[in-house]
């Protein structure tokens, strides 16, 4: 059995994460499953964040994200945490706009048409199951109470400064790191 790498670990707010990766592409590798969070999971995730904001919490931790960073060119791949990352990208799309504040997510699973990336950036429709699921979640987010009245933008602004994550940056080959993380599951 190969030894798992010792990664660099940072605790970042969503805003710090977005700033750190501004202008970059973050790749979702083939070994990642499709976007699967259902309406109930997305609602709970955002309702927990909304409650944290309303109760005046200084921080709300959403867990760990593991990212691979290539030494040569700084390319980033998501090894763990892609469901949360895509949900946050959809929230940015629903509440503020996908205007460069959020890193561009590229999906290795995409064909030449880049259907998932096109949907997240421009809501360009396609027939893919993944995109249909993202569309349903985006619709849910836009229909949340207060989303249209500016409350969604205020929530995303609060999230940028108060939602925190532990980012684990590794230089170990992504598939091997993924296998190390999941060997005990």
Protein backbone atom coordinates (compact mmCIF):
# COMPACT_ATOMS: atom_id res chain seq x y z
CA UNK A 1 0.00 0.00 0.00
CA UNK A 2 1.33 3.43 -0.98
CA UNK A 3 1.71 6.07 1.69
CA UNK A 4 -0.66 9.06 1.40
CA UNK A 5 0.98 12.46 0.92
CA UNK A 6 1.30 15.21 3.54
CA UNK A 7 -0.72 18.08 2.07
CA UNK A 8 -0.73 21.81 2.79
CA UNK A 9 -3.85 22.66 4.79
CA UNK A 10 -5.50 26.09 4.95
CA UNK A 11 -8.67 27.28 6.62
CA UNK A 12 -10.28 29.72 4.19
CA UNK A 13 -13.49 31.69 3.98
CA UNK A 14 -15.42 31.29 0.76
CA UNK A 15 -14.25 34.78 -0.24
CA UNK A 16 -10.60 33.88 0.40
CA UNK A 17 -11.04 30.67 -1.62
CA UNK A 18 -12.61 32.63 -4.48
CA UNK A 19 -9.82 35.22 -4.39
CA UNK A 20 -7.10 32.54 -4.27
CA UNK A 21 -8.55 30.89 -7.37
CA UNK A 22 -9.73 34.02 -9.23
CA UNK A 23 -9.15 33.70 -12.96
CA UNK A 24 -8.26 30.01 -12.67
CA UNK A 25 -10.01 26.95 -13.96
CA UNK A 26 -10.75 24.22 -11.47
CA UNK A 27 -11.10 20.83 -13.08
CA UNK A 28 -13.55 18.13 -12.01
CA UNK A 29 -11.75 14.90 -13.01
CA UNK A 30 -13.36 11.86 -14.62
CA UNK A 31 -13.10 9.78 -11.45
CA UNK A 32 -15.58 12.13 -9.74
CA UNK A 33 -19.24 11.14 -9.83
CA UNK A 34 -21.82 13.33 -11.52
CA UNK A 35 -23.47 16.14 -9.57
CA UNK A 36 -25.91 14.27 -7.32
CA UNK A 37 -27.11 16.57 -4.55
CA UNK A 38 -30.88 16.43 -4.44
CA UNK A 39 -33.25 19.27 -3.53
CA UNK A 40 -33.41 18.21 0.12
CA UNK A 41 -29.61 18.22 0.50
CA UNK A 42 -29.24 21.60 -1.23
CA UNK A 43 -32.05 23.12 0.85
CA UNK A 44 -30.53 21.84 4.10
CA UNK A 45 -27.06 23.08 3.10
CA UNK A 46 -28.30 26.60 2.34
CA UNK A 47 -30.82 26.70 5.19
CA UNK A 48 -28.02 25.84 7.64
CA UNK A 49 -25.97 28.70 6.19
CA UNK A 50 -28.94 31.07 6.33
CA UNK A 51 -29.59 30.13 10.00
CA UNK A 52 -25.93 30.75 10.83
CA UNK A 53 -26.21 34.22 9.27
CA UNK A 54 -29.48 35.01 11.08
CA UNK A 55 -28.11 33.87 14.44
CA UNK A 56 -25.09 36.16 14.07
CA UNK A 57 -22.45 33.42 13.89
CA UNK A 58 -19.03 34.73 12.96
CA UNK A 59 -18.22 31.60 10.96
CA UNK A 60 -19.93 28.55 9.51
CA UNK A 61 -17.73 25.57 8.57
CA UNK A 62 -18.81 23.55 5.53
CA UNK A 63 -16.11 20.90 5.78
CA UNK A 64 -13.00 19.95 3.89
CA UNK A 65 -12.16 20.20 0.24
CA UNK A 66 -9.14 18.38 -1.19
CA UNK A 67 -7.51 19.89 -4.24
CA UNK A 68 -4.58 18.79 -6.38
CA UNK A 69 -2.29 21.56 -7.60
CA UNK A 70 0.12 20.81 -10.42
CA UNK A 71 3.63 22.12 -9.68
CA UNK A 72 4.45 23.11 -13.26
CA UNK A 73 1.42 25.20 -14.21
CA UNK A 74 -0.70 25.58 -11.06
CA UNK A 75 -3.66 23.70 -12.60
CA UNK A 76 -6.18 22.67 -9.93
CA UNK A 77 -8.33 19.52 -9.74
CA UNK A 78 -11.01 18.71 -7.16
CA UNK A 79 -10.31 15.43 -5.41
CA UNK A 80 -12.92 15.75 -2.66
CA UNK A 81 -15.68 18.32 -2.12
CA UNK A 82 -16.99 18.72 -5.66
CA UNK A 83 -20.68 18.44 -4.66
CA UNK A 84 -20.29 21.42 -2.29
CA UNK A 85 -18.21 23.35 -4.83
CA UNK A 86 -20.78 22.89 -7.62
CA UNK A 87 -23.60 23.84 -5.24
CA UNK A 88 -21.72 27.01 -4.28
CA UNK A 89 -21.20 27.78 -7.98
CA UNK A 90 -24.93 27.31 -8.57
CA UNK A 91 -25.67 29.61 -5.61
CA UNK A 92 -23.36 32.23 -7.11
CA UNK A 93 -25.23 31.85 -10.41
CA UNK A 94 -28.64 32.10 -8.72
CA UNK A 95 -27.94 34.91 -6.25
CA UNK A 96 -25.31 37.20 -7.76
CA UNK A 97 -24.16 36.08 -11.20
CA UNK A 98 -21.36 33.96 -12.51
CA UNK A 99 -19.21 36.92 -13.47
CA UNK A 100 -15.67 35.86 -12.75
CA UNK A 101 -15.95 35.96 -8.96
CA UNK A 102 -16.24 32.19 -9.01
CA UNK A 103 -13.47 30.10 -10.60
CA UNK A 104 -14.43 28.47 -13.88
CA UNK A 105 -15.31 24.83 -13.27
CA UNK A 106 -14.26 22.52 -16.09
CA UNK A 107 -15.51 18.96 -16.24
CA UNK A 108 -13.27 16.29 -17.76
CA UNK A 109 -16.49 14.32 -18.29
CA UNK A 110 -17.70 16.99 -20.75
CA UNK A 111 -17.63 16.36 -24.46
CA UNK A 112 -16.26 18.93 -26.90
CA UNK A 113 -19.40 21.04 -26.31
CA UNK A 114 -18.44 21.54 -22.64
CA UNK A 115 -22.09 21.17 -21.64
CA UNK A 116 -21.65 21.46 -17.84
CA UNK A 117 -19.27 24.43 -18.08
CA UNK A 118 -21.58 26.15 -20.59
CA UNK A 119 -24.56 25.72 -18.30
CA UNK A 120 -22.77 27.11 -15.24
CA UNK A 121 -21.44 30.11 -17.16
CA UNK A 122 -24.26 30.93 -19.56
CA UNK A 123 -27.13 28.55 -18.73
CA UNK A 124 -26.77 27.03 -22.16
CA UNK A 125 -29.01 23.97 -22.16
CA UNK A 126 -28.05 20.48 -23.20
CA UNK A 127 -29.59 17.07 -22.93
CA UNK A 128 -27.16 15.72 -20.35
CA UNK A 129 -28.54 14.26 -17.12
CA UNK A 130 -25.97 16.20 -15.08
CA UNK A 131 -26.98 19.51 -16.65
CA UNK A 132 -30.70 18.78 -16.18
CA UNK A 133 -29.97 18.13 -12.50
CA UNK A 134 -27.97 21.37 -12.18
CA UNK A 135 -30.83 23.24 -13.90
CA UNK A 136 -33.33 21.86 -11.37
CA UNK A 137 -31.11 22.92 -8.46
CA UNK A 138 -30.57 26.38 -9.96
CA UNK A 139 -34.35 26.76 -10.32
CA UNK A 140 -34.79 25.69 -6.68
CA UNK A 141 -32.20 28.25 -5.54
CA UNK A 142 -33.83 31.04 -7.53
CA UNK A 143 -37.21 30.18 -6.01
CA UNK A 144 -35.96 30.23 -2.42
CA UNK A 145 -37.67 32.88 -0.30
CA UNK A 146 -35.95 36.24 -0.75
CA UNK A 147 -33.72 35.14 -3.65
CA UNK A 148 -35.20 37.71 -6.02
CA UNK A 149 -35.50 40.56 -3.52
CA UNK A 150 -31.78 40.93 -3.02
CA UNK A 151 -31.68 38.63 0.00
CA UNK A 152 -29.87 36.04 -2.13
CA UNK A 153 -27.12 38.52 -2.98
CA UNK A 154 -26.86 39.55 0.70
CA UNK A 155 -26.66 35.88 1.69
CA UNK A 156 -23.89 35.19 -0.85
CA UNK A 157 -22.03 38.28 0.35
CA UNK A 158 -22.29 37.01 3.95
CA UNK A 159 -21.18 33.56 2.80
CA UNK A 160 -18.06 35.07 1.22
CA UNK A 161 -16.89 36.41 4.57
CA UNK A 162 -18.25 33.82 7.00
CA UNK A 163 -18.59 30.42 5.33
CA UNK A 164 -15.34 28.57 5.94
CA UNK A 165 -13.77 25.44 4.58
CA UNK A 166 -10.61 23.51 5.25
CA UNK A 167 -8.72 23.34 1.97
CA UNK A 168 -6.28 20.50 1.67
CA UNK A 169 -3.84 21.13 -1.20
CA UNK A 170 -1.87 18.12 -2.34
CA UNK A 171 0.78 17.59 -5.01
CA UNK A 172 0.17 13.85 -5.08
CA UNK A 173 -1.23 12.42 -8.32
CA UNK A 174 -5.03 13.04 -8.15
CA UNK A 175 -6.32 9.50 -8.67
CA UNK A 176 -3.89 8.10 -6.10
CA UNK A 177 -4.90 10.79 -3.57
CA UNK A 178 -8.58 10.05 -4.28
CA UNK A 179 -7.95 6.35 -3.62
CA UNK A 180 -6.09 7.16 -0.38
CA UNK A 181 -8.99 9.34 0.82
CA UNK A 182 -11.57 6.70 -0.03
CA UNK A 183 -9.81 3.48 0.93
CA UNK A 184 -11.55 3.27 4.31
CA UNK A 185 -15.05 4.09 3.05
